[in-house]
Amino acid sequence: MELGAFSISLAVKDIEVSRVFYEKFGFKVFGGDASQNWLILKNGDHVIGLFQGMFETNTLTFNPGWDSNASKLDTFTDIRDLQRQLKAQGVQLLSEADESSSGPASFVAVDPDGNPILVDQHV
């Protein structure tokens, strides 16, 4: 099962304080908009998202169709196919992608320990 790019989306209290902190670990702003309370930071292939007021908890995030540079992959497994595969294995979803749609969509699952998993396709 190809899930695409991986990152952790951190629910932060103060996006600027968090940005400065993670820059000390060598992360650099790669995308996002601090005025909208979200930033994507990168250190090599490691990606973290800082989200102020958008998520209640830290969230594992997968982006089908993207590599770690947010570049579109030539081939990838569509999110609706991933969703069908997981549901067939008994994974319950909190939200689902519209099976009749195409292109960008998302779904959310929760692991046995309560960690949210966001699968978010942008292409």
PDB file of N, CA and C in Angstrom:
ATOM      1  N   MET A   1       0.853  -1.173   0.000  1.00  0.00           N
ATOM      2  CA  MET A   1       0.000   0.000   0.000  1.00  0.00           C
ATOM      3  C   MET A   1       0.897   1.235   0.000  1.00  0.00           C
ATOM      4  N   GLU A   2       0.840   1.989  -1.057  1.00  0.00           N
ATOM      5  CA  GLU A   2       1.624   3.224  -1.175  1.00  0.00           C
ATOM      6  C   GLU A   2       0.820   4.398  -0.635  1.00  0.00           C
ATOM      7  N   LEU A   3       1.311   5.013   0.430  1.00  0.00           N
ATOM      8  CA  LEU A   3       0.595   6.105   1.080  1.00  0.00           C
ATOM      9  C   LEU A   3       1.098   7.485   0.686  1.00  0.00           C
ATOM     10  N   GLY A   4       2.190   7.558  -0.047  1.00  0.00           N
ATOM     11  CA  GLY A   4       2.735   8.857  -0.447  1.00  0.00           C
ATOM     12  C   GLY A   4       3.623   9.452   0.622  1.00  0.00           C
ATOM     13  N   ALA A   5       3.778  10.754   0.555  1.00  0.00           N
ATOM     14  CA  ALA A   5       4.658  11.479   1.487  1.00  0.00           C
ATOM     15  C   ALA A   5       4.127  11.362   2.916  1.00  0.00           C
ATOM     16  N   PHE A   6       5.041  11.322   3.877  1.00  0.00           N
ATOM     17  CA  PHE A   6       4.672  11.252   5.291  1.00  0.00           C
ATOM     18  C   PHE A   6       5.156  12.492   6.018  1.00  0.00           C
ATOM     19  N   SER A   7       4.333  12.971   6.917  1.00  0.00           N
ATOM     20  CA  SER A   7       4.736  14.046   7.824  1.00  0.00           C
ATOM     21  C   SER A   7       3.945  13.896   9.107  1.00  0.00           C
ATOM     22  N   ILE A   8       4.374  14.609  10.108  1.00  0.00           N
ATOM     23  CA  ILE A   8       3.588  14.698  11.332  1.00  0.00           C
ATOM     24  C   ILE A   8       3.051  16.112  11.416  1.00  0.00           C
ATOM     25  N   SER A   9       1.772  16.221  11.656  1.00  0.00           N
ATOM     26  CA  SER A   9       1.119  17.524  11.790  1.00  0.00           C
ATOM     27  C   SER A   9       0.995  17.817  13.280  1.00  0.00           C
ATOM     28  N   LEU A  10       1.707  18.834  13.728  1.00  0.00           N
ATOM     29  CA  LEU A  10       1.745  19.160  15.150  1.00  0.00           C
ATOM     30  C   LEU A  10       0.728  20.245  15.490  1.00  0.00           C
ATOM     31  N   ALA A  11      -0.064  19.988  16.499  1.00  0.00           N
ATOM     32  CA  ALA A  11      -1.006  20.983  17.022  1.00  0.00           C
ATOM     33  C   ALA A  11      -0.210  21.875  17.975  1.00  0.00           C
ATOM     34  N   VAL A  12       0.099  23.093  17.532  1.00  0.00           N
ATOM     35  CA  VAL A  12       0.965  23.981  18.325  1.00  0.00           C
ATOM     36  C   VAL A  12       0.163  25.118  18.936  1.00  0.00           C
ATOM     37  N   LYS A  13       0.680  25.647  20.044  1.00  0.00           N
ATOM     38  CA  LYS A  13       0.023  26.757  20.741  1.00  0.00           C
ATOM     39  C   LYS A  13       0.398  28.105  20.144  1.00  0.00           C
ATOM     40  N   ASP A  14       1.648  28.241  19.701  1.00  0.00           N
ATOM     41  CA  ASP A  14       2.127  29.497  19.128  1.00  0.00           C
ATOM     42  C   ASP A  14       3.024  29.155  17.948  1.00  0.00           C
ATOM     43  N   ILE A  15       2.546  29.414  16.746  1.00  0.00           N
ATOM     44  CA  ILE A  15       3.247  28.963  15.540  1.00  0.00           C
ATOM     45  C   ILE A  15       4.639  29.570  15.414  1.00  0.00           C
ATOM     46  N   GLU A  16       4.814  30.820  15.804  1.00  0.00           N
ATOM     47  CA  GLU A  16       6.131  31.461  15.692  1.00  0.00           C
ATOM     48  C   GLU A  16       7.120  30.879  16.696  1.00  0.00           C
ATOM     49  N   VAL A  17       6.673  30.636  17.912  1.00  0.00           N
ATOM     50  CA  VAL A  17       7.543  30.018  18.923  1.00  0.00           C
ATOM     51  C   VAL A  17       7.961  28.628  18.451  1.00  0.00           C
ATOM     52  N   SER A  18       7.013  27.869  17.900  1.00  0.00           N
ATOM     53  CA  SER A  18       7.318  26.523  17.412  1.00  0.00           C
ATOM     54  C   SER A  18       8.247  26.567  16.203  1.00  0.00           C
ATOM     55  N   ARG A  19       8.026  27.511  15.286  1.00  0.00           N
ATOM     56  CA  ARG A  19       8.902  27.639  14.114  1.00  0.00           C
ATOM     57  C   ARG A  19      10.337  27.879  14.553  1.00  0.00           C
ATOM     58  N   VAL A  20      10.537  28.833  15.455  1.00  0.00           N
ATOM     59  CA  VAL A  20      11.879  29.153  15.948  1.00  0.00           C
ATOM     60  C   VAL A  20      12.502  27.923  16.610  1.00  0.00           C
ATOM     61  N   PHE A  21      11.729  27.200  17.405  1.00  0.00           N
ATOM     62  CA  PHE A  21      12.232  26.011  18.081  1.00  0.00           C
ATOM     63  C   PHE A  21      12.714  24.969  17.080  1.00  0.00           C
ATOM     64  N   TYR A  22      11.887  24.633  16.093  1.00  0.00           N
ATOM     65  CA  TYR A  22      12.252  23.592  15.133  1.00  0.00           C
ATOM     66  C   TYR A  22      13.356  24.036  14.181  1.00  0.00           C
ATOM     67  N   GLU A  23      13.491  25.324  13.956  1.00  0.00           N
ATOM     68  CA  GLU A  23      14.617  25.809  13.154  1.00  0.00           C
ATOM     69  C   GLU A  23      15.943  25.536  13.858  1.00  0.00           C
ATOM     70  N   LYS A  24      15.935  25.486  15.174  1.00  0.00           N
ATOM     71  CA  LYS A  24      17.151  25.136  15.930  1.00  0.00           C
ATOM     72  C   LYS A  24      17.582  23.695  15.673  1.00  0.00           C
ATOM     73  N   PHE A  25      16.634  22.852  15.227  1.00  0.00           N
ATOM     74  CA  PHE A  25      16.938  21.466  14.871  1.00  0.00           C
ATOM     75  C   PHE A  25      17.274  21.334  13.389  1.00  0.00           C
ATOM     76  N   GLY A  26      17.368  22.461  12.688  1.00  0.00           N
ATOM     77  CA  GLY A  26      17.743  22.442  11.285  1.00  0.00           C
ATOM     78  C   GLY A  26      16.576  22.439  10.311  1.00  0.00           C
ATOM     79  N   PHE A  27      15.357  22.520  10.809  1.00  0.00           N
ATOM     80  CA  PHE A  27      14.205  22.586   9.914  1.00  0.00           C
ATOM     81  C   PHE A  27      14.108  23.982   9.307  1.00  0.00           C
ATOM     82  N   LYS A  28      13.664  24.037   8.066  1.00  0.00           N
ATOM     83  CA  LYS A  28      13.462  25.308   7.364  1.00  0.00           C
ATOM     84  C   LYS A  28      12.046  25.332   6.811  1.00  0.00           C
ATOM     85  N   VAL A  29      11.454  26.521   6.780  1.00  0.00           N
ATOM     86  CA  VAL A  29      10.104  26.655   6.243  1.00  0.00           C
ATOM     87  C   VAL A  29      10.109  26.254   4.771  1.00  0.00           C
ATOM     88  N   PHE A  30       9.210  25.370   4.423  1.00  0.00           N
ATOM     89  CA  PHE A  30       9.108  24.809   3.079  1.00  0.00           C
ATOM     90  C   PHE A  30       7.817  25.253   2.391  1.00  0.00           C
ATOM     91  N   GLY A  31       6.804  25.531   3.184  1.00  0.00           N
ATOM     92  CA  GLY A  31       5.516  25.925   2.636  1.00  0.00           C
ATOM     93  C   GLY A  31       4.612  26.425   3.730  1.00  0.00           C
ATOM     94  N   GLY A  32       3.408  26.780   3.338  1.00  0.00           N
ATOM     95  CA  GLY A  32       2.428  27.252   4.305  1.00  0.00           C
ATOM     96  C   GLY A  32       2.361  28.750   4.393  1.00  0.00           C
ATOM     97  N   ASP A  33       1.628  29.237   5.382  1.00  0.00           N
ATOM     98  CA  ASP A  33       1.406  30.665   5.564  1.00  0.00           C
ATOM     99  C   ASP A  33       1.187  30.928   7.052  1.00  0.00           C
ATOM    100  N   ALA A  34       2.178  31.519   7.699  1.00  0.00           N
ATOM    101  CA  ALA A  34       2.084  31.774   9.139  1.00  0.00           C
ATOM    102  C   ALA A  34       0.889  32.661   9.482  1.00  0.00           C
ATOM    103  N   SER A  35       0.510  33.567   8.573  1.00  0.00           N
ATOM    104  CA  SER A  35      -0.638  34.436   8.848  1.00  0.00           C
ATOM    105  C   SER A  35      -1.949  33.653   8.865  1.00  0.00           C
ATOM    106  N   GLN A  36      -1.934  32.460   8.269  1.00  0.00           N
ATOM    107  CA  GLN A  36      -3.098  31.571   8.299  1.00  0.00           C
ATOM    108  C   GLN A  36      -2.927  30.464   9.342  1.00  0.00           C
ATOM    109  N   ASN A  37      -1.868  30.578  10.166  1.00  0.00           N
ATOM    110  CA  ASN A  37      -1.592  29.655  11.276  1.00  0.00           C
ATOM    111  C   ASN A  37      -1.192  28.247  10.848  1.00  0.00           C
ATOM    112  N   TRP A  38      -0.479  28.137   9.703  1.00  0.00           N
ATOM    113  CA  TRP A  38       0.075  26.834   9.344  1.00  0.00           C
ATOM    114  C   TRP A  38       1.362  27.010   8.550  1.00  0.00           C
ATOM    115  N   LEU A  39       2.335  26.154   8.863  1.00  0.00           N
ATOM    116  CA  LEU A  39       3.628  26.140   8.180  1.00  0.00           C
ATOM    117  C   LEU A  39       4.055  24.695   7.983  1.00  0.00           C
ATOM    118  N   ILE A  40       4.759  24.439   6.888  1.00  0.00           N
ATOM    119  CA  ILE A  40       5.375  23.143   6.641  1.00  0.00           C
ATOM    120  C   ILE A  40       6.878  23.363   6.710  1.00  0.00           C
ATOM    121  N   LEU A  41       7.565  22.580   7.538  1.00  0.00           N
ATOM    122  CA  LEU A  41       9.010  22.690   7.703  1.00  0.00           C
ATOM    123  C   LEU A  41       9.663  21.386   7.261  1.00  0.00           C
ATOM    124  N   LYS A  42      10.878  21.527   6.757  1.00  0.00           N
ATOM    125  CA  LYS A  42      11.577  20.365   6.224  1.00  0.00           C
ATOM    126  C   LYS A  42      13.030  20.375   6.657  1.00  0.00           C
ATOM    127  N   ASN A  43      13.556  19.195   6.950  1.00  0.00           N
ATOM    128  CA  ASN A  43      14.967  18.975   7.231  1.00  0.00           C
ATOM    129  C   ASN A  43      15.331  17.694   6.488  1.00  0.00           C
ATOM    130  N   GLY A  44      15.988  17.821   5.345  1.00  0.00           N
ATOM    131  CA  GLY A  44      16.247  16.644   4.502  1.00  0.00           C
ATOM    132  C   GLY A  44      14.919  16.094   4.018  1.00  0.00           C
ATOM    133  N   ASP A  45      14.704  14.802   4.234  1.00  0.00           N
ATOM    134  CA  ASP A  45      13.436  14.182   3.854  1.00  0.00           C
ATOM    135  C   ASP A  45      12.398  14.233   4.966  1.00  0.00           C
ATOM    136  N   HIS A  46      12.753  14.806   6.111  1.00  0.00           N
ATOM    137  CA  HIS A  46      11.848  14.862   7.260  1.00  0.00           C
ATOM    138  C   HIS A  46      10.962  16.095   7.163  1.00  0.00           C
ATOM    139  N   VAL A  47       9.658  15.876   7.293  1.00  0.00           N
ATOM    140  CA  VAL A  47       8.696  16.961   7.139  1.00  0.00           C
ATOM    141  C   VAL A  47       7.790  17.009   8.360  1.00  0.00           C
ATOM    142  N   ILE A  48       7.610  18.226   8.884  1.00  0.00           N
ATOM    143  CA  ILE A  48       6.639  18.444   9.951  1.00  0.00           C
ATOM    144  C   ILE A  48       5.752  19.622   9.557  1.00  0.00           C
ATOM    145  N   GLY A  49       4.529  19.549   9.979  1.00  0.00           N
ATOM    146  CA  GLY A  49       3.602  20.656   9.785  1.00  0.00           C
ATOM    147  C   GLY A  49       3.284  21.262  11.136  1.00  0.00           C
ATOM    148  N   LEU A  50       3.252  22.572  11.197  1.00  0.00           N
ATOM    149  CA  LEU A  50       2.863  23.289  12.416  1.00  0.00           C
ATOM    150  C   LEU A  50       1.485  23.886  12.154  1.00  0.00           C
ATOM    151  N   PHE A  51       0.527  23.543  12.994  1.00  0.00           N
ATOM    152  CA  PHE A  51      -0.855  23.990  12.799  1.00  0.00           C
ATOM    153  C   PHE A  51      -1.382  24.555  14.116  1.00  0.00           C
ATOM    154  N   GLN A  52      -1.612  25.844  14.125  1.00  0.00           N
ATOM    155  CA  GLN A  52      -2.123  26.510  15.322  1.00  0.00           C
ATOM    156  C   GLN A  52      -3.638  26.642  15.198  1.00  0.00           C
ATOM    157  N   GLY A  53      -4.349  25.990  16.122  1.00  0.00           N
ATOM    158  CA  GLY A  53      -5.805  26.100  16.146  1.00  0.00           C
ATOM    159  C   GLY A  53      -6.530  25.289  15.092  1.00  0.00           C
ATOM    160  N   MET A  54      -5.854  24.377  14.400  1.00  0.00           N
ATOM    161  CA  MET A  54      -6.502  23.594  13.341  1.00  0.00           C
ATOM    162  C   MET A  54      -6.756  22.144  13.733  1.00  0.00           C
ATOM    163  N   PHE A  55      -5.885  21.589  14.559  1.00  0.00           N
ATOM    164  CA  PHE A  55      -6.020  20.210  15.012  1.00  0.00           C
ATOM    165  C   PHE A  55      -6.054  20.193  16.530  1.00  0.00           C
ATOM    166  N   GLU A  56      -6.827  19.260  17.093  1.00  0.00           N
ATOM    167  CA  GLU A  56      -6.860  19.120  18.546  1.00  0.00           C
ATOM    168  C   GLU A  56      -5.629  18.391  19.068  1.00  0.00           C
ATOM    169  N   THR A  57      -5.122  17.448  18.274  1.00  0.00           N
ATOM    170  CA  THR A  57      -3.970  16.646  18.691  1.00  0.00           C
ATOM    171  C   THR A  57      -2.996  16.510  17.528  1.00  0.00           C
ATOM    172  N   ASN A  58      -1.796  16.066  17.836  1.00  0.00           N
ATOM    173  CA  ASN A  58      -0.817  15.764  16.791  1.00  0.00           C
ATOM    174  C   ASN A  58      -1.385  14.655  15.918  1.00  0.00           C
ATOM    175  N   THR A  59      -1.109  14.724  14.617  1.00  0.00           N
ATOM    176  CA  THR A  59      -1.727  13.822  13.656  1.00  0.00           C
ATOM    177  C   THR A  59      -0.682  13.297  12.678  1.00  0.00           C
ATOM    178  N   LEU A  60      -0.702  11.993  12.440  1.00  0.00           N
ATOM    179  CA  LEU A  60       0.127  11.398  11.396  1.00  0.00           C
ATOM    180  C   LEU A  60      -0.532  11.734  10.063  1.00  0.00           C
ATOM    181  N   THR A  61       0.258  12.194   9.093  1.00  0.00           N
ATOM    182  CA  THR A  61      -0.311  12.627   7.818  1.00  0.00           C
ATOM    183  C   THR A  61       0.401  11.942   6.655  1.00  0.00           C
ATOM    184  N   PHE A  62      -0.388  11.423   5.724  1.00  0.00           N
ATOM    185  CA  PHE A  62       0.116  10.826   4.493  1.00  0.00           C
ATOM    186  C   PHE A  62      -0.515  11.564   3.324  1.00  0.00           C
ATOM    187  N   ASN A  63       0.278  11.808   2.282  1.00  0.00           N
ATOM    188  CA  ASN A  63      -0.198  12.522   1.098  1.00  0.00           C
ATOM    189  C   ASN A  63       0.000  11.676  -0.156  1.00  0.00           C
ATOM    190  N   PRO A  64      -1.016  10.866  -0.527  1.00  0.00           N
ATOM    191  CA  PRO A  64      -0.910  10.105  -1.773  1.00  0.00           C
ATOM    192  C   PRO A  64      -0.702  11.046  -2.957  1.00  0.00           C
ATOM    193  N   GLY A  65       0.168  10.646  -3.859  1.00  0.00           N
ATOM    194  CA  GLY A  65       0.413  11.431  -5.059  1.00  0.00           C
ATOM    195  C   GLY A  65       1.550  12.424  -4.939  1.00  0.00           C
ATOM    196  N   TRP A  66       2.110  12.561  -3.746  1.00  0.00           N
ATOM    197  CA  TRP A  66       3.223  13.487  -3.521  1.00  0.00           C
ATOM    198  C   TRP A  66       4.456  12.744  -3.047  1.00  0.00           C
ATOM    199  N   ASP A  67       5.634  13.274  -3.427  1.00  0.00           N
ATOM    200  CA  ASP A  67       6.875  12.828  -2.798  1.00  0.00           C
ATOM    201  C   ASP A  67       7.169  13.775  -1.633  1.00  0.00           C
ATOM    202  N   SER A  68       8.302  13.603  -0.978  1.00  0.00           N
ATOM    203  CA  SER A  68       8.612  14.409   0.205  1.00  0.00           C
ATOM    204  C   SER A  68       8.883  15.876  -0.106  1.00  0.00           C
ATOM    205  N   ASN A  69       8.953  16.230  -1.396  1.00  0.00           N
ATOM    206  CA  ASN A  69       9.120  17.627  -1.798  1.00  0.00           C
ATOM    207  C   ASN A  69       7.812  18.251  -2.269  1.00  0.00           C
ATOM    208  N   ALA A  70       6.702  17.557  -2.009  1.00  0.00           N
ATOM    209  CA  ALA A  70       5.370  17.990  -2.441  1.00  0.00           C
ATOM    210  C   ALA A  70       5.282  18.091  -3.960  1.00  0.00           C
ATOM    211  N   SER A  71       6.070  17.259  -4.653  1.00  0.00           N
ATOM    212  CA  SER A  71       6.006  17.172  -6.108  1.00  0.00           C
ATOM    213  C   SER A  71       5.113  15.998  -6.478  1.00  0.00           C
ATOM    214  N   LYS A  72       4.314  16.181  -7.507  1.00  0.00           N
ATOM    215  CA  LYS A  72       3.394  15.136  -7.926  1.00  0.00           C
ATOM    216  C   LYS A  72       4.148  13.934  -8.464  1.00  0.00           C
ATOM    217  N   LEU A  73       3.742  12.760  -8.015  1.00  0.00           N
ATOM    218  CA  LEU A  73       4.310  11.512  -8.503  1.00  0.00           C
ATOM    219  C   LEU A  73       3.651  11.142  -9.824  1.00  0.00           C
ATOM    220  N   ASP A  74       4.412  10.502 -10.718  1.00  0.00           N
ATOM    221  CA  ASP A  74       3.865  10.073 -12.001  1.00  0.00           C
ATOM    222  C   ASP A  74       2.772   9.028 -11.820  1.00  0.00           C
ATOM    223  N   THR A  75       3.000   8.097 -10.905  1.00  0.00           N
ATOM    224  CA  THR A  75       1.994   7.081 -10.608  1.00  0.00           C
ATOM    225  C   THR A  75       1.823   6.996  -9.098  1.00  0.00           C
ATOM    226  N   PHE A  76       0.607   6.763  -8.673  1.00  0.00           N
ATOM    227  CA  PHE A  76       0.319   6.627  -7.245  1.00  0.00           C
ATOM    228  C   PHE A  76      -1.035   5.956  -7.077  1.00  0.00           C
ATOM    229  N   THR A  77      -1.288   5.462  -5.882  1.00  0.00           N
ATOM    230  CA  THR A  77      -2.577   4.859  -5.560  1.00  0.00           C
ATOM    231  C   THR A  77      -3.525   5.959  -5.112  1.00  0.00           C
ATOM    232  N   ASP A  78      -4.643   6.083  -5.806  1.00  0.00           N
ATOM    233  CA  ASP A  78      -5.631   7.109  -5.479  1.00  0.00           C
ATOM    234  C   ASP A  78      -6.198   6.881  -4.076  1.00  0.00           C
ATOM    235  N   ILE A  79      -6.520   7.963  -3.422  1.00  0.00           N
ATOM    236  CA  ILE A  79      -7.022   7.918  -2.051  1.00  0.00           C
ATOM    237  C   ILE A  79      -8.271   7.053  -1.909  1.00  0.00           C
ATOM    238  N   ARG A  80      -9.131   7.055  -2.917  1.00  0.00           N
ATOM    239  CA  ARG A  80     -10.348   6.254  -2.846  1.00  0.00           C
ATOM    240  C   ARG A  80     -10.022   4.756  -2.873  1.00  0.00           C
ATOM    241  N   ASP A  81      -8.959   4.369  -3.612  1.00  0.00           N
ATOM    242  CA  ASP A  81      -8.513   2.972  -3.602  1.00  0.00           C
ATOM    243  C   ASP A  81      -7.932   2.605  -2.247  1.00  0.00           C
ATOM    244  N   LEU A  82      -7.139   3.514  -1.656  1.00  0.00           N
ATOM    245  CA  LEU A  82      -6.590   3.270  -0.315  1.00  0.00           C
ATOM    246  C   LEU A  82      -7.724   3.099   0.696  1.00  0.00           C
ATOM    247  N   GLN A  83      -8.714   3.965   0.595  1.00  0.00           N
ATOM    248  CA  GLN A  83      -9.855   3.913   1.505  1.00  0.00           C
ATOM    249  C   GLN A  83     -10.582   2.574   1.385  1.00  0.00           C
ATOM    250  N   ARG A  84     -10.822   2.121   0.163  1.00  0.00           N
ATOM    251  CA  ARG A  84     -11.502   0.831  -0.044  1.00  0.00           C
ATOM    252  C   ARG A  84     -10.683  -0.323   0.539  1.00  0.00           C
ATOM    253  N   GLN A  85      -9.357  -0.284   0.334  1.00  0.00           N
ATOM    254  CA  GLN A  85      -8.494  -1.348   0.861  1.00  0.00           C
ATOM    255  C   GLN A  85      -8.559  -1.392   2.393  1.00  0.00           C
ATOM    256  N   LEU A  86      -8.494  -0.236   3.028  1.00  0.00           N
ATOM    257  CA  LEU A  86      -8.527  -0.194   4.491  1.00  0.00           C
ATOM    258  C   LEU A  86      -9.883  -0.644   5.032  1.00  0.00           C
ATOM    259  N   LYS A  87     -10.953  -0.178   4.417  1.00  0.00           N
ATOM    260  CA  LYS A  87     -12.293  -0.577   4.864  1.00  0.00           C
ATOM    261  C   LYS A  87     -12.498  -2.080   4.692  1.00  0.00           C
ATOM    262  N   ALA A  88     -11.956  -2.660   3.629  1.00  0.00           N
ATOM    263  CA  ALA A  88     -12.062  -4.098   3.396  1.00  0.00           C
ATOM    264  C   ALA A  88     -11.337  -4.894   4.480  1.00  0.00           C
ATOM    265  N   GLN A  89     -10.347  -4.258   5.115  1.00  0.00           N
ATOM    266  CA  GLN A  89      -9.605  -4.910   6.195  1.00  0.00           C
ATOM    267  C   GLN A  89     -10.209  -4.597   7.571  1.00  0.00           C
ATOM    268  N   GLY A  90     -11.340  -3.918   7.580  1.00  0.00           N
ATOM    269  CA  GLY A  90     -12.030  -3.646   8.833  1.00  0.00           C
ATOM    270  C   GLY A  90     -11.631  -2.365   9.540  1.00  0.00           C
ATOM    271  N   VAL A  91     -10.846  -1.520   8.885  1.00  0.00           N
ATOM    272  CA  VAL A  91     -10.456  -0.247   9.498  1.00  0.00           C
ATOM    273  C   VAL A  91     -11.653   0.693   9.440  1.00  0.00           C
ATOM    274  N   GLN A  92     -12.037   1.221  10.602  1.00  0.00           N
ATOM    275  CA  GLN A  92     -13.136   2.171  10.658  1.00  0.00           C
ATOM    276  C   GLN A  92     -12.590   3.575  10.452  1.00  0.00           C
ATOM    277  N   LEU A  93     -13.317   4.369   9.676  1.00  0.00           N
ATOM    278  CA  LEU A  93     -12.885   5.717   9.352  1.00  0.00           C
ATOM    279  C   LEU A  93     -13.787   6.740  10.040  1.00  0.00           C
ATOM    280  N   LEU A  94     -13.171   7.811  10.549  1.00  0.00           N
ATOM    281  CA  LEU A  94     -13.937   8.905  11.158  1.00  0.00           C
ATOM    282  C   LEU A  94     -14.578   9.782  10.098  1.00  0.00           C
ATOM    283  N   SER A  95     -13.864   9.964   8.993  1.00  0.00           N
ATOM    284  CA  SER A  95     -14.401  10.688   7.844  1.00  0.00           C
ATOM    285  C   SER A  95     -13.917   9.969   6.604  1.00  0.00           C
ATOM    286  N   GLU A  96     -14.653  10.118   5.516  1.00  0.00           N
ATOM    287  CA  GLU A  96     -14.329   9.395   4.294  1.00  0.00           C
ATOM    288  C   GLU A  96     -14.277  10.315   3.087  1.00  0.00           C
ATOM    289  N   ALA A  97     -13.470   9.906   2.118  1.00  0.00           N
ATOM    290  CA  ALA A  97     -13.446  10.570   0.814  1.00  0.00           C
ATOM    291  C   ALA A  97     -14.689  10.124   0.045  1.00  0.00           C
ATOM    292  N   ASP A  98     -15.243  11.026  -0.742  1.00  0.00           N
ATOM    293  CA  ASP A  98     -16.393  10.712  -1.583  1.00  0.00           C
ATOM    294  C   ASP A  98     -15.941   9.755  -2.681  1.00  0.00           C
ATOM    295  N   GLU A  99     -16.461   8.538  -2.669  1.00  0.00           N
ATOM    296  CA  GLU A  99     -16.057   7.502  -3.628  1.00  0.00           C
ATOM    297  C   GLU A  99     -16.405   7.863  -5.068  1.00  0.00           C
ATOM    298  N   SER A 100     -17.362   8.763  -5.261  1.00  0.00           N
ATOM    299  CA  SER A 100     -17.767   9.119  -6.625  1.00  0.00           C
ATOM    300  C   SER A 100     -16.975  10.299  -7.182  1.00  0.00           C
ATOM    301  N   SER A 101     -16.070  10.851  -6.368  1.00  0.00           N
ATOM    302  CA  SER A 101     -15.283  12.005  -6.798  1.00  0.00           C
ATOM    303  C   SER A 101     -13.949  11.561  -7.380  1.00  0.00           C
ATOM    304  N   SER A 102     -13.179  12.533  -7.863  1.00  0.00           N
ATOM    305  CA  SER A 102     -11.808  12.290  -8.295  1.00  0.00           C
ATOM    306  C   SER A 102     -10.974  13.479  -7.857  1.00  0.00           C
ATOM    307  N   GLY A 103      -9.661  13.315  -7.884  1.00  0.00           N
ATOM    308  CA  GLY A 103      -8.782  14.412  -7.481  1.00  0.00           C
ATOM    309  C   GLY A 103      -8.635  14.530  -5.975  1.00  0.00           C
ATOM    310  N   PRO A 104      -8.414  15.751  -5.494  1.00  0.00           N
ATOM    311  CA  PRO A 104      -8.162  15.959  -4.068  1.00  0.00           C
ATOM    312  C   PRO A 104      -9.296  15.447  -3.182  1.00  0.00           C
ATOM    313  N   ALA A 105      -8.902  14.800  -2.086  1.00  0.00           N
ATOM    314  CA  ALA A 105      -9.861  14.277  -1.112  1.00  0.00           C
ATOM    315  C   ALA A 105      -9.077  13.839   0.121  1.00  0.00           C
ATOM    316  N   SER A 106      -9.790  13.507   1.184  1.00  0.00           N
ATOM    317  CA  SER A 106      -9.120  13.041   2.395  1.00  0.00           C
ATOM    318  C   SER A 106     -10.026  12.099   3.172  1.00  0.00           C
ATOM    319  N   PHE A 107      -9.395  11.327   4.051  1.00  0.00           N
ATOM    320  CA  PHE A 107     -10.126  10.553   5.047  1.00  0.00           C
ATOM    321  C   PHE A 107      -9.296  10.505   6.308  1.00  0.00           C
ATOM    322  N   VAL A 108      -9.949  10.163   7.425  1.00  0.00           N
ATOM    323  CA  VAL A 108      -9.276  10.105   8.726  1.00  0.00           C
ATOM    324  C   VAL A 108      -9.610   8.781   9.394  1.00  0.00           C
ATOM    325  N   ALA A 109      -8.581   8.136   9.912  1.00  0.00           N
ATOM    326  CA  ALA A 109      -8.721   6.947  10.747  1.00  0.00           C
ATOM    327  C   ALA A 109      -8.062   7.261  12.087  1.00  0.00           C
ATOM    328  N   VAL A 110      -8.280   6.398  13.065  1.00  0.00           N
ATOM    329  CA  VAL A 110      -7.648   6.549  14.370  1.00  0.00           C
ATOM    330  C   VAL A 110      -7.040   5.206  14.733  1.00  0.00           C
ATOM    331  N   ASP A 111      -5.763   5.213  15.140  1.00  0.00           N
ATOM    332  CA  ASP A 111      -5.106   3.951  15.498  1.00  0.00           C
ATOM    333  C   ASP A 111      -5.606   3.466  16.864  1.00  0.00           C
ATOM    334  N   PRO A 112      -5.241   2.245  17.280  1.00  0.00           N
ATOM    335  CA  PRO A 112      -5.745   1.694  18.538  1.00  0.00           C
ATOM    336  C   PRO A 112      -5.400   2.525  19.777  1.00  0.00           C
ATOM    337  N   ASP A 113      -4.395   3.398  19.670  1.00  0.00           N
ATOM    338  CA  ASP A 113      -4.012   4.228  20.811  1.00  0.00           C
ATOM    339  C   ASP A 113      -4.604   5.630  20.749  1.00  0.00           C
ATOM    340  N   GLY A 114      -5.494   5.862  19.782  1.00  0.00           N
ATOM    341  CA  GLY A 114      -6.163   7.146  19.688  1.00  0.00           C
ATOM    342  C   GLY A 114      -5.459   8.193  18.848  1.00  0.00           C
ATOM    343  N   ASN A 115      -4.402   7.796  18.131  1.00  0.00           N
ATOM    344  CA  ASN A 115      -3.681   8.738  17.281  1.00  0.00           C
ATOM    345  C   ASN A 115      -4.398   8.902  15.945  1.00  0.00           C
ATOM    346  N   PRO A 116      -4.767  10.134  15.586  1.00  0.00           N
ATOM    347  CA  PRO A 116      -5.418  10.341  14.295  1.00  0.00           C
ATOM    348  C   PRO A 116      -4.437  10.138  13.145  1.00  0.00           C
ATOM    349  N   ILE A 117      -4.950   9.579  12.056  1.00  0.00           N
ATOM    350  CA  ILE A 117      -4.183   9.383  10.832  1.00  0.00           C
ATOM    351  C   ILE A 117      -4.970  10.058   9.718  1.00  0.00           C
ATOM    352  N   LEU A 118      -4.406  11.123   9.183  1.00  0.00           N
ATOM    353  CA  LEU A 118      -5.015  11.864   8.087  1.00  0.00           C
ATOM    354  C   LEU A 118      -4.368  11.424   6.786  1.00  0.00           C
ATOM    355  N   VAL A 119      -5.182  10.957   5.851  1.00  0.00           N
ATOM    356  CA  VAL A 119      -4.701  10.648   4.509  1.00  0.00           C
ATOM    357  C   VAL A 119      -5.314  11.730   3.613  1.00  0.00           C
ATOM    358  N   ASP A 120      -4.452  12.574   3.079  1.00  0.00           N
ATOM    359  CA  ASP A 120      -4.880  13.828   2.443  1.00  0.00           C
ATOM    360  C   ASP A 120      -4.235  13.955   1.076  1.00  0.00           C
ATOM    361  N   GLN A 121      -5.021  13.688   0.028  1.00  0.00           N
ATOM    362  CA  GLN A 121      -4.520  13.739  -1.345  1.00  0.00           C
ATOM    363  C   GLN A 121      -4.795  15.126  -1.922  1.00  0.00           C
ATOM    364  N   HIS A 122      -3.752  15.780  -2.429  1.00  0.00           N
ATOM    365  CA  HIS A 122      -3.871  17.137  -2.972  1.00  0.00           C
ATOM    366  C   HIS A 122      -3.909  17.172  -4.498  1.00  0.00           C
ATOM    367  N   VAL A 123      -3.699  16.030  -5.148  1.00  0.00           N
ATOM    368  CA  VAL A 123      -3.668  15.995  -6.620  1.00  0.00           C
ATOM    369  C   VAL A 123      -4.810  15.160  -7.162  1.00  0.00           C
TER     370      VAL A 123
END
